[in-house]
Amino acid sequence: MAGIWDFLGGLMNKIPIQDRKERIKNQIEDLRKERIKLLNEPASVKTSKRITDIDIAIPKCEQLLRNIS
């Protein structure tokens, strides 16, 4: 039985599990990339709405990140 736990422990060390802070950083980065991409596309109501939503979401994520730190 100890062999199974050793195997699972080793496996858990190799799996890249992100912590909360890292997930929020990645989310901010993805939102910024999406915003730049949308700004380079032709304007539409859908695009404008998404950019507005991103502009609201980024400061919220940054605040969460500051609160965690």
C-alpha atoms as a PDB file:
ATOM      1  CA  MET A   1       0.000   0.000   0.000  1.00  0.00           C
ATOM      2  CA  ALA A   2       2.887   2.378   0.679  1.00  0.00           C
ATOM      3  CA  GLY A   3       4.007   2.013  -2.938  1.00  0.00           C
ATOM      4  CA  ILE A   4       0.720   3.420  -4.180  1.00  0.00           C
ATOM      5  CA  TRP A   5       1.008   6.474  -1.922  1.00  0.00           C
ATOM      6  CA  ASP A   6       4.604   7.046  -3.005  1.00  0.00           C
ATOM      7  CA  PHE A   7       3.507   6.877  -6.644  1.00  0.00           C
ATOM      8  CA  LEU A   8       0.603   9.291  -6.093  1.00  0.00           C
ATOM      9  CA  GLY A   9       2.827  11.687  -4.128  1.00  0.00           C
ATOM     10  CA  GLY A  10       5.383  11.722  -6.922  1.00  0.00           C
ATOM     11  CA  LEU A  11       2.662  12.208  -9.499  1.00  0.00           C
ATOM     12  CA  MET A  12       1.186  15.164  -7.619  1.00  0.00           C
ATOM     13  CA  ASN A  13       4.593  16.866  -7.591  1.00  0.00           C
ATOM     14  CA  LYS A  14       4.822  16.591 -11.396  1.00  0.00           C
ATOM     15  CA  ILE A  15       1.317  17.839 -12.208  1.00  0.00           C
ATOM     16  CA  PRO A  16       1.332  21.618 -12.694  1.00  0.00           C
ATOM     17  CA  ILE A  17      -1.429  22.704 -10.331  1.00  0.00           C
ATOM     18  CA  GLN A  18      -1.792  26.475 -10.221  1.00  0.00           C
ATOM     19  CA  ASP A  19      -2.481  28.265  -7.023  1.00  0.00           C
ATOM     20  CA  ARG A  20      -5.108  30.992  -6.819  1.00  0.00           C
ATOM     21  CA  LYS A  21      -2.651  33.847  -7.337  1.00  0.00           C
ATOM     22  CA  GLU A  22      -1.207  32.258 -10.479  1.00  0.00           C
ATOM     23  CA  ARG A  23      -4.689  31.627 -11.926  1.00  0.00           C
ATOM     24  CA  ILE A  24      -5.650  35.270 -11.444  1.00  0.00           C
ATOM     25  CA  LYS A  25      -2.405  36.459 -13.051  1.00  0.00           C
ATOM     26  CA  ASN A  26      -3.063  34.193 -16.036  1.00  0.00           C
ATOM     27  CA  GLN A  27      -6.643  35.425 -16.282  1.00  0.00           C
ATOM     28  CA  ILE A  28      -5.474  39.058 -16.353  1.00  0.00           C
ATOM     29  CA  GLU A  29      -2.930  38.239 -19.041  1.00  0.00           C
ATOM     30  CA  ASP A  30      -5.547  36.411 -21.142  1.00  0.00           C
ATOM     31  CA  LEU A  31      -7.999  39.297 -20.802  1.00  0.00           C
ATOM     32  CA  ARG A  32      -5.370  41.813 -21.918  1.00  0.00           C
ATOM     33  CA  LYS A  33      -4.467  39.669 -24.942  1.00  0.00           C
ATOM     34  CA  GLU A  34      -8.136  39.282 -25.865  1.00  0.00           C
ATOM     35  CA  ARG A  35      -8.680  43.036 -25.544  1.00  0.00           C
ATOM     36  CA  ILE A  36      -5.780  43.799 -27.902  1.00  0.00           C
ATOM     37  CA  LYS A  37      -7.091  41.238 -30.373  1.00  0.00           C
ATOM     38  CA  LEU A  38     -10.589  42.727 -30.264  1.00  0.00           C
ATOM     39  CA  LEU A  39      -9.257  46.264 -30.756  1.00  0.00           C
ATOM     40  CA  ASN A  40      -7.608  45.126 -34.002  1.00  0.00           C
ATOM     41  CA  GLU A  41     -10.893  43.742 -35.372  1.00  0.00           C
ATOM     42  CA  PRO A  42     -13.630  45.761 -37.076  1.00  0.00           C
ATOM     43  CA  ALA A  43     -15.918  47.440 -34.567  1.00  0.00           C
ATOM     44  CA  SER A  44     -19.295  45.931 -33.798  1.00  0.00           C
ATOM     45  CA  VAL A  45     -21.770  46.046 -30.956  1.00  0.00           C
ATOM     46  CA  LYS A  46     -20.651  42.598 -29.781  1.00  0.00           C
ATOM     47  CA  THR A  47     -16.967  43.585 -29.853  1.00  0.00           C
ATOM     48  CA  SER A  48     -17.641  46.842 -28.013  1.00  0.00           C
ATOM     49  CA  LYS A  49     -19.619  45.037 -25.319  1.00  0.00           C
ATOM     50  CA  ARG A  50     -16.849  42.484 -24.818  1.00  0.00           C
ATOM     51  CA  ILE A  51     -14.167  45.194 -24.577  1.00  0.00           C
ATOM     52  CA  THR A  52     -16.284  47.007 -21.987  1.00  0.00           C
ATOM     53  CA  ASP A  53     -16.687  43.776 -20.020  1.00  0.00           C
ATOM     54  CA  ILE A  54     -12.925  43.185 -20.163  1.00  0.00           C
ATOM     55  CA  ASP A  55     -12.261  46.772 -19.026  1.00  0.00           C
ATOM     56  CA  ILE A  56     -14.451  46.093 -15.998  1.00  0.00           C
ATOM     57  CA  ALA A  57     -13.001  42.636 -15.278  1.00  0.00           C
ATOM     58  CA  ILE A  58      -9.293  43.543 -15.335  1.00  0.00           C
ATOM     59  CA  PRO A  59      -9.411  46.005 -12.387  1.00  0.00           C
ATOM     60  CA  LYS A  60     -11.518  43.534 -10.399  1.00  0.00           C
ATOM     61  CA  CYS A  61      -8.937  40.793 -10.975  1.00  0.00           C
ATOM     62  CA  GLU A  62      -6.098  43.170 -10.104  1.00  0.00           C
ATOM     63  CA  GLN A  63      -7.879  44.078  -6.859  1.00  0.00           C
ATOM     64  CA  LEU A  64      -8.316  40.384  -6.017  1.00  0.00           C
ATOM     65  CA  LEU A  65      -4.614  39.870  -6.647  1.00  0.00           C
ATOM     66  CA  ARG A  66      -3.711  42.781  -4.341  1.00  0.00           C
ATOM     67  CA  ASN A  67      -6.019  41.395  -1.652  1.00  0.00           C
ATOM     68  CA  ILE A  68      -4.370  37.970  -1.834  1.00  0.00           C
ATOM     69  CA  SER A  69      -0.823  39.358  -1.645  1.00  0.00           C
END
